[in-house]
N, C-alpha and C. Protein backbone atom coordinates (compact mmCIF):
# COMPACT_ATOMS: atom_id res chain seq x y z
N MET A 1 100.43 129.11 -85.11
CA MET A 1 99.62 130.26 -85.20
C MET A 1 98.15 129.89 -85.46
N ALA A 2 97.91 128.84 -86.17
CA ALA A 2 96.56 128.49 -86.49
C ALA A 2 95.66 128.26 -85.24
N MET A 3 96.19 127.56 -84.22
CA MET A 3 95.36 127.28 -83.05
C MET A 3 95.03 128.56 -82.29
N PRO A 4 95.95 129.56 -82.02
CA PRO A 4 95.59 130.73 -81.33
C PRO A 4 94.54 131.55 -82.16
N HIS A 5 94.68 131.59 -83.48
CA HIS A 5 93.75 132.26 -84.38
C HIS A 5 92.32 131.62 -84.30
N ALA A 6 92.29 130.30 -84.34
CA ALA A 6 90.96 129.54 -84.17
C ALA A 6 90.34 129.80 -82.89
N GLN A 7 91.14 129.77 -81.87
CA GLN A 7 90.59 130.05 -80.44
C GLN A 7 90.06 131.40 -80.30
N SER A 8 90.94 132.41 -80.74
CA SER A 8 90.39 133.81 -80.44
C SER A 8 89.32 134.25 -81.41
N SER A 9 89.27 133.68 -82.64
CA SER A 9 88.20 134.19 -83.50
C SER A 9 86.82 133.52 -83.13
N GLY A 10 86.88 132.53 -82.33
CA GLY A 10 85.58 131.91 -81.91
C GLY A 10 84.99 132.58 -80.69
N MET A 11 85.63 133.56 -80.09
CA MET A 11 85.15 134.11 -78.85
C MET A 11 84.01 134.95 -79.07
N GLY A 12 83.62 135.41 -80.27
CA GLY A 12 82.49 136.18 -80.52
C GLY A 12 81.23 135.43 -80.66
N GLY A 13 81.24 134.18 -80.58
CA GLY A 13 80.09 133.31 -80.68
C GLY A 13 79.88 132.60 -82.02
N ILE A 14 80.63 132.89 -82.97
CA ILE A 14 80.41 132.30 -84.31
C ILE A 14 80.78 130.86 -84.33
N ARG A 15 81.55 130.45 -83.34
CA ARG A 15 81.87 128.93 -83.29
C ARG A 15 80.60 128.14 -83.07
N THR A 16 79.62 128.80 -82.35
CA THR A 16 78.46 128.02 -81.94
C THR A 16 77.25 128.94 -82.30
N ALA A 17 76.38 129.35 -81.42
CA ALA A 17 75.29 130.12 -81.72
C ALA A 17 75.18 131.36 -80.79
N GLY A 18 76.29 131.72 -80.12
CA GLY A 18 76.27 132.81 -79.08
C GLY A 18 75.88 134.11 -79.85
N ASP A 19 76.30 134.41 -80.99
CA ASP A 19 75.98 135.61 -81.61
C ASP A 19 74.53 135.70 -81.95
N LEU A 20 73.95 134.58 -82.39
CA LEU A 20 72.50 134.52 -82.67
C LEU A 20 71.57 134.73 -81.44
N VAL A 21 71.94 134.08 -80.39
CA VAL A 21 71.30 134.25 -79.15
C VAL A 21 71.42 135.65 -78.61
N ALA A 22 72.60 136.21 -78.59
CA ALA A 22 72.74 137.64 -78.20
C ALA A 22 71.95 138.60 -79.01
N ARG A 23 71.93 138.40 -80.34
CA ARG A 23 71.14 139.31 -81.13
C ARG A 23 69.68 139.21 -80.85
N MET A 24 69.15 138.06 -80.46
CA MET A 24 67.68 137.91 -80.07
C MET A 24 67.47 138.62 -78.67
N GLN A 25 68.45 138.46 -77.72
CA GLN A 25 68.36 139.12 -76.48
C GLN A 25 68.17 140.64 -76.59
N PHE A 26 69.18 141.17 -77.37
CA PHE A 26 69.15 142.61 -77.54
C PHE A 26 68.06 143.17 -78.38
N ALA A 27 67.73 142.51 -79.50
CA ALA A 27 66.72 143.05 -80.41
C ALA A 27 65.34 142.92 -79.97
N LYS A 28 65.04 141.72 -79.24
CA LYS A 28 63.62 141.44 -78.89
C LYS A 28 63.47 141.48 -77.31
N ASN A 29 64.46 141.94 -76.59
CA ASN A 29 64.37 142.03 -75.18
C ASN A 29 64.10 140.73 -74.52
N MET A 30 64.71 139.65 -75.02
CA MET A 30 64.44 138.28 -74.55
C MET A 30 65.41 137.98 -73.44
N HIS A 31 64.98 137.06 -72.43
CA HIS A 31 65.92 136.52 -71.42
C HIS A 31 66.72 135.44 -72.16
N ILE A 32 67.90 135.11 -71.61
CA ILE A 32 68.74 134.17 -72.29
C ILE A 32 68.12 132.84 -72.70
N ASN A 33 67.39 132.26 -71.70
CA ASN A 33 66.77 130.96 -72.06
C ASN A 33 65.71 131.07 -73.10
N GLU A 34 64.95 132.22 -73.04
CA GLU A 34 63.92 132.38 -74.06
C GLU A 34 64.59 132.60 -75.51
N ALA A 35 65.68 133.32 -75.46
CA ALA A 35 66.42 133.52 -76.77
C ALA A 35 67.01 132.20 -77.20
N LYS A 36 67.59 131.36 -76.41
CA LYS A 36 68.11 130.11 -76.78
C LYS A 36 67.01 129.24 -77.38
N GLU A 37 65.91 129.27 -76.71
CA GLU A 37 64.69 128.42 -77.20
C GLU A 37 64.20 128.87 -78.65
N HIS A 38 64.16 130.20 -78.77
CA HIS A 38 63.75 130.75 -80.13
C HIS A 38 64.79 130.46 -81.11
N VAL A 39 66.05 130.66 -80.93
CA VAL A 39 67.11 130.33 -81.90
C VAL A 39 67.12 128.83 -82.23
N ALA A 40 67.04 128.00 -81.18
CA ALA A 40 67.08 126.52 -81.40
C ALA A 40 65.83 126.20 -82.33
N LYS A 41 64.68 126.74 -82.02
CA LYS A 41 63.53 126.39 -82.81
C LYS A 41 63.61 126.84 -84.22
N THR A 42 64.20 128.07 -84.39
CA THR A 42 64.36 128.60 -85.70
C THR A 42 65.34 127.74 -86.55
N LEU A 43 66.44 127.28 -85.92
CA LEU A 43 67.36 126.48 -86.65
C LEU A 43 67.07 124.95 -86.66
N ASP A 44 65.91 124.64 -86.07
CA ASP A 44 65.43 123.22 -86.03
C ASP A 44 66.50 122.37 -85.22
N LEU A 45 66.93 122.86 -84.10
CA LEU A 45 67.76 122.18 -83.16
C LEU A 45 67.34 122.12 -81.83
N THR A 46 68.06 121.52 -80.87
CA THR A 46 67.61 121.63 -79.42
C THR A 46 68.54 122.76 -78.86
N PRO A 47 68.15 123.30 -77.70
CA PRO A 47 68.97 124.32 -77.06
C PRO A 47 70.42 123.79 -76.81
N LEU A 48 70.52 122.53 -76.46
CA LEU A 48 71.75 121.96 -76.16
C LEU A 48 72.71 121.90 -77.40
N ASP A 49 72.06 121.71 -78.56
CA ASP A 49 72.88 121.72 -79.77
C ASP A 49 73.48 123.05 -80.10
N LEU A 50 73.01 124.16 -79.51
CA LEU A 50 73.44 125.49 -79.85
C LEU A 50 74.90 125.74 -79.33
N SER A 51 75.33 124.90 -78.40
CA SER A 51 76.67 125.04 -77.84
C SER A 51 77.69 123.92 -78.42
N ASP A 52 77.17 123.09 -79.32
CA ASP A 52 77.95 122.15 -79.78
C ASP A 52 78.61 122.59 -81.17
N GLU A 53 79.93 122.74 -81.13
CA GLU A 53 80.71 123.28 -82.22
C GLU A 53 80.50 122.49 -83.58
N GLU A 54 80.42 121.24 -83.56
CA GLU A 54 80.42 120.45 -84.81
C GLU A 54 79.00 120.67 -85.39
N VAL A 55 77.90 120.55 -84.53
CA VAL A 55 76.60 120.63 -85.03
C VAL A 55 76.37 122.04 -85.61
N MET A 56 76.86 123.13 -84.89
CA MET A 56 76.70 124.46 -85.36
C MET A 56 77.47 124.83 -86.64
N ARG A 57 78.63 124.32 -86.69
CA ARG A 57 79.40 124.45 -87.99
C ARG A 57 78.68 124.06 -89.16
N GLU A 58 78.12 122.78 -89.10
CA GLU A 58 77.42 122.28 -90.18
C GLU A 58 76.07 123.07 -90.51
N LYS A 59 75.43 123.52 -89.39
CA LYS A 59 74.24 124.23 -89.57
C LYS A 59 74.48 125.63 -90.18
N ARG A 60 75.49 126.25 -89.65
CA ARG A 60 75.89 127.58 -90.11
C ARG A 60 76.32 127.52 -91.58
N GLN A 61 77.04 126.52 -92.00
CA GLN A 61 77.42 126.27 -93.39
C GLN A 61 76.13 126.11 -94.27
N ASP A 62 75.23 125.26 -93.83
CA ASP A 62 74.03 125.03 -94.56
C ASP A 62 73.14 126.28 -94.74
N LEU A 63 73.07 127.09 -93.71
CA LEU A 63 72.30 128.28 -93.68
C LEU A 63 73.02 129.61 -94.26
N ASP A 64 74.24 129.39 -94.61
CA ASP A 64 75.07 130.52 -95.10
C ASP A 64 75.13 131.72 -94.12
N ILE A 65 75.29 131.44 -92.86
CA ILE A 65 75.33 132.49 -91.79
C ILE A 65 76.77 132.69 -91.24
N GLY A 66 77.69 132.28 -91.89
CA GLY A 66 79.13 132.42 -91.46
C GLY A 66 79.74 131.41 -90.56
N VAL A 67 81.03 131.06 -90.79
CA VAL A 67 81.71 130.11 -89.93
C VAL A 67 83.12 130.72 -89.58
N VAL A 68 83.76 130.26 -88.64
CA VAL A 68 85.00 130.91 -88.17
C VAL A 68 86.02 130.93 -89.31
N THR A 69 86.35 129.76 -89.92
CA THR A 69 87.27 129.79 -91.02
C THR A 69 86.58 129.98 -92.33
N GLY A 70 87.07 130.84 -93.12
CA GLY A 70 86.47 131.14 -94.41
C GLY A 70 86.44 130.00 -95.32
N LEU A 71 85.33 129.78 -95.95
CA LEU A 71 85.27 128.64 -97.01
C LEU A 71 85.03 129.40 -98.36
N PRO A 72 85.69 128.83 -99.34
CA PRO A 72 85.55 129.37 -100.67
C PRO A 72 84.08 129.38 -101.18
N GLY A 73 83.68 130.61 -101.56
CA GLY A 73 82.32 130.68 -101.99
C GLY A 73 81.17 130.98 -100.91
N ALA A 74 81.55 130.81 -99.61
CA ALA A 74 80.69 130.86 -98.57
C ALA A 74 80.54 132.37 -98.19
N PRO A 75 79.35 132.86 -97.87
CA PRO A 75 79.22 134.25 -97.41
C PRO A 75 79.92 134.46 -96.15
N ARG A 76 80.46 135.72 -96.04
CA ARG A 76 81.08 136.17 -94.79
C ARG A 76 80.89 137.62 -94.68
N GLY A 77 81.12 138.15 -93.53
CA GLY A 77 80.98 139.58 -93.34
C GLY A 77 79.57 140.01 -93.45
N ILE A 78 79.35 141.05 -94.22
CA ILE A 78 78.03 141.76 -94.37
C ILE A 78 77.03 140.68 -94.99
N ALA A 79 77.52 139.87 -95.89
CA ALA A 79 76.59 138.95 -96.66
C ALA A 79 76.14 137.88 -95.56
N ALA A 80 76.97 137.40 -94.67
CA ALA A 80 76.44 136.53 -93.64
C ALA A 80 75.52 137.17 -92.69
N LYS A 81 75.82 138.45 -92.36
CA LYS A 81 74.92 139.21 -91.45
C LYS A 81 73.54 139.41 -92.13
N MET A 82 73.56 139.64 -93.43
CA MET A 82 72.27 139.79 -94.00
C MET A 82 71.40 138.44 -94.04
N ASN A 83 72.13 137.39 -94.14
CA ASN A 83 71.44 136.06 -94.05
C ASN A 83 70.93 135.84 -92.64
N ILE A 84 71.65 136.30 -91.59
CA ILE A 84 71.22 136.15 -90.18
C ILE A 84 69.90 137.04 -90.06
N GLU A 85 70.05 138.13 -90.51
CA GLU A 85 68.87 139.11 -90.41
C GLU A 85 67.67 138.52 -90.98
N LYS A 86 67.68 137.89 -92.15
CA LYS A 86 66.58 137.28 -92.85
C LYS A 86 66.08 136.08 -92.06
N LEU A 87 67.11 135.24 -91.58
CA LEU A 87 66.76 134.01 -90.81
C LEU A 87 66.03 134.19 -89.53
N LEU A 88 66.52 135.26 -88.79
CA LEU A 88 65.98 135.56 -87.40
C LEU A 88 64.79 136.65 -87.45
N GLY A 89 64.65 137.20 -88.68
CA GLY A 89 63.56 138.27 -88.74
C GLY A 89 63.95 139.44 -87.92
N LEU A 90 65.20 139.89 -88.04
CA LEU A 90 65.69 141.10 -87.31
C LEU A 90 66.02 142.20 -88.23
N LYS A 91 66.21 143.26 -87.69
CA LYS A 91 66.90 144.47 -88.38
C LYS A 91 68.20 144.62 -87.80
N ILE A 92 69.30 144.56 -88.61
CA ILE A 92 70.66 144.71 -88.08
C ILE A 92 71.19 146.03 -88.63
N ASN A 93 71.60 146.88 -87.68
CA ASN A 93 71.88 148.35 -88.06
C ASN A 93 73.05 148.31 -89.26
N SER A 94 74.04 147.45 -89.14
CA SER A 94 75.06 147.49 -90.15
C SER A 94 74.56 147.07 -91.49
N CYS A 95 73.55 146.19 -91.60
CA CYS A 95 72.93 145.83 -92.81
C CYS A 95 72.18 147.00 -93.37
N GLU A 96 71.42 147.68 -92.50
CA GLU A 96 70.74 148.77 -92.99
C GLU A 96 71.61 149.93 -93.54
N HIS A 97 72.70 150.03 -92.78
CA HIS A 97 73.71 151.10 -93.20
C HIS A 97 74.26 150.85 -94.52
N PHE A 98 74.49 149.51 -94.79
CA PHE A 98 75.05 149.06 -96.06
C PHE A 98 74.17 149.23 -97.19
N ARG A 99 72.79 148.90 -96.99
CA ARG A 99 71.73 149.16 -97.90
C ARG A 99 71.64 150.63 -98.25
N GLN A 100 71.73 151.48 -97.28
CA GLN A 100 71.64 152.89 -97.43
C GLN A 100 72.79 153.40 -98.39
N GLN A 101 73.98 152.92 -98.11
CA GLN A 101 75.11 153.25 -98.93
C GLN A 101 75.06 152.85 -100.26
N LEU A 102 74.39 151.70 -100.53
CA LEU A 102 74.12 151.17 -101.88
C LEU A 102 73.11 152.09 -102.60
N ARG A 103 72.02 152.53 -101.87
CA ARG A 103 71.14 153.36 -102.43
C ARG A 103 71.63 154.64 -102.86
N GLU A 104 72.53 155.23 -102.02
CA GLU A 104 73.09 156.49 -102.34
C GLU A 104 74.09 156.38 -103.47
N ALA A 105 74.85 155.31 -103.57
CA ALA A 105 75.75 155.12 -104.65
C ALA A 105 75.16 155.03 -106.01
N TYR A 106 73.95 154.35 -106.03
CA TYR A 106 73.34 154.01 -107.35
C TYR A 106 72.03 154.78 -107.48
């Protein structure tokens, strides 16, 4: 069961940098190559490194932006998204919604 889970959970891009590239494409109206260049520069990698699972796992761990398999103490979910938001200089709707809920609760 571990292999199918690992395979299917990686399809959203978190295995590599697909989620980061897609966010730049949608948020900043970038073409794919432009988005890859921007993300690679931001992460201090080459565009080719963005598709390397080993390189990206280490980089994602170092930057606290989420990995496929949960690590004790590592951010996941909304915490990882907030780190992505800060790293890429984006506004992520779910993060904004979460902040709004916190403001209303307190």
